[in-house]
């Protein structure tokens, strides 16, 4: 799948292409059943980004950083067949990540074959001569958290599993390096998937503008091409052409194998030699293909903006300035420059544009690649703002920056933010391996980041001013305007009682390429591995304060970082109908000022240490997310306590927040995913259900400052708050600190409880089609009400969901609709189980012409499982996958602290962290099939589509 992804831990933003569906729907703060869901592990992030660093930081001394090394234990060797192998032992959890990076990306393409690297990435999951089976099913059966991406300079495949499965992953990666099948039927199906994927991104005006600007900026270099590809080129790809690229680029001497985690280096290297050297050799890669089609960026003379006038919600300005390559000596100063200009509330562009109310968002980043790079600035304007005016303000900010330079406080803040982002952005083994792999492929030095950090520390104010003056030259930039031609229009063709009419012929799921019958093939083709026996050794300590505040602590001394997660029961369920959006405005303004600090002082306290603190409102509560270096935990906790106890909600900041909320609402109503989500929820939960409420322009405008103050006073209370911390801290010291910061926080009365009314399923199928102008891809949501987190069927539902749609490539839904029929590039299901309610959901993205067939096939598959159930073998495989994914997920501190937190929110024992795997293992076939009969109701379901108009004929199964 094509996703935008920033490797922000070292600010080298790249356009990545992932093969997994990124979930963009959060109906509530539900505990997603994908706590064991490989696909859902990518949600954290949109882009998904894991944040954990290595055990090598145990002795990190920030005051003397030049003597430290991020990867001093990493070892690099080159095998006789040319394969570069990088290993790094990290024994903090019984997991290991295996990644294979190939030196092929869109950089190796030209007009006529744009997207072939991305297409080849898709084909690498279609099977090999030895294993003619979808590799996603093999990875899922291993319980691997797997993913892949294509970018400008590389294509990478990565998998994280329990340590006993290391050799199994090595065998699978060696097999598809040498023996991948690329035949006509598989290519035809996957081309359809890729085209559907590309059409989906055309829904985003920012993507369309970026593509136009990049092509104009670099017309004679592959960096100016779309990483995902061009539809007309993809349509013409032949088996012979794709095989040609595979033979030239997928070979040991053009690849880097990275292994990080809990393993022994010497024995693993011996296994790698045995597994990867016993493969047929390919002919030597020519220098032409190894080096790519290298041309330097052309310094253009600006000739005026590229203008796109198309349907959309917000005006957008994008500027691109050519920069040197990643190894250029100016690169560190350019990164520092970027942080000063664009990162945080104290940054110059934020102050000039967002804080002034002219723009809702400013995003800027340095892309540093193999051949050259660029600085990209993207600005989303608030309604009725003139882009020319915004452009002139940006020009003035840059001009002042280059003329007057920067002060030492800005320089110190930017460098601290950069260094902290590297440390916090490399906390888990997957991210550590990605750092090593990317650095090796792009720079030829797997230790590049160590040297780069040293160079950043040495950057001076004069360096920053010099590079800004040299590279941010208005004459060399390429820029564009997106001008929406009309406000988004939603035309709902809704019928609460009409059944979907169709004469669709039932497609048998038990086909040769995907279904129940080939489950035996998964075990047949799966490499042997030892069954893991690890269990969690530690559970968090729960501390109850006299005022009702609950704190859970789990020390982890392996890294000098702390990850904080919190929850306050003050979500949108408490909003009044005519003031929906109130809870969100409260949460958004907690950091806007306190009795002792204004908004900029609060931001500075965190930014100058590279710490972060955010409040994210949802249906049932407000999530608190924060992280910092261990030495800065006191600052993080003090800031949290200050904004929770003493917010002042200044009028200026509140009105600015309201303005941003109104702009965000307009953009949401132009986003098919958001429109489908809103429509789906409101169709399932009618008035007066608390979940039915969504902000509108009218409701946001009705909210007063008094409403905000009163809501905060009523619902923000210590007995409605839970905090969880994982990381390098002394529990006694944290308890003492929190007692001093939050121990005196008290409120009157008891916390309000809210009873959710019962909601029955519809009598039949309800269909709603929301039409949005100018969209190319359809988003479909299907589902109905389901179980909450404390339902006795919860664990059975998790196993059922894993079989049904828990993984895009290995589930029944994925195997049938994506892999066999090629109707969608991403489909998943989930039981979103909250504290008070639950929803069963299927989401997919399709071309409009495929939507009816995809819906019919999905409902038929639901019908099959509802009536016939699943097999014993499916249940056992799903249980192994759920358990393995769970263990792997807890090696990531963000996922670990989230699990600890939500277990407490749902009223579960702290032992649930350790007992979860046993509860899954106790699930039997009869329980799963009972859950299928009771929870899957394909004839009592809401089907919502958003995007282009979709025909209502032809989507009812026989």
Foldseek 3Di string as FASTA:
>chain_A
DWDFDQLQLQFQGWGKAKLADADPDDLFVFPWLVLLFLRPCCNVDVRRFFFAAALQQLVQDVVPRLPGFRQPQWDWDADPQQAIEIEHEGEQAQKKKKKKKFQDFLQQDDPLQFQLVVLLLVQLQCAFPLARARVLQLLLLQLWSWMWIGTNGITMIMTMFGNLCVLLVLLSLLRSLATGDQDDVQLVLSLLFLLLVVLQVLLDPVVVFVLVLLCVQAVPGSSSHDRNGDNVSSVPDDSVNSVVCSLQISGRSRMYMYMYYHDDPPVVVVSNCVNNVPHDHGDDHDPDSSVHDADAGDQAFEDDAAEAAAAAQWKKKKKKWWFAAPPDLLNLLVQLLCCQQFNFCNHQLNVQDLLVLQFLDWDWGWNHFQRTTIIMIMTTGFPPHDVVVSVVSVVVSLVCCLPVFDDPLSLLLSLLLSNFSNNRSHGFRVSLRVQQRVCCSGPVDSSVVSVSNVSNVPDDRVSNSVVSVVTVDPRRMHMHMYHYNDFKDWDKPWDQPDFQAAPDEADDLPDPHHDQVCLVSSVVSRDDTDDDDDFDDDFWDWDAFPQQAIETEDEDSSHQKKKKKKKFQQAQLPPDQLQRCLSVLLQVCLLQDFPVGGNVRLRSLQSSNSKDWGWDHTQGIIMITIMGGNVCVLSVLLSVLRSLQTGDRDPSVSVSVLSSVQSVVSNLSSNQVSVLSLVQQCSQPPPPFSSNHDDDNRSSVVDDPVSSVVSSQQGRGNSRMYMYMYYHDDVVVVVVSCCVRPVPTHHDDDHDDDAGDDTDFRPFEIEMEIEIPPRFKKKKKKWHWDAAPPDPLSLLVSLLQLQDFSTLCNHSLNSPCCSNVSFFSHKGWIWRHHLRTIMTIIMTMGGQVSVLVSLQNSLVVLVCCLPPNHDQSSSVSSLSNSLRSVSSQCSRVVSVRVVQRRCVVNPHDSCCSRCVSVVNVPDGRVSNSVCSNVGRDSGRMYMYMYYHDHDSYHRHYD
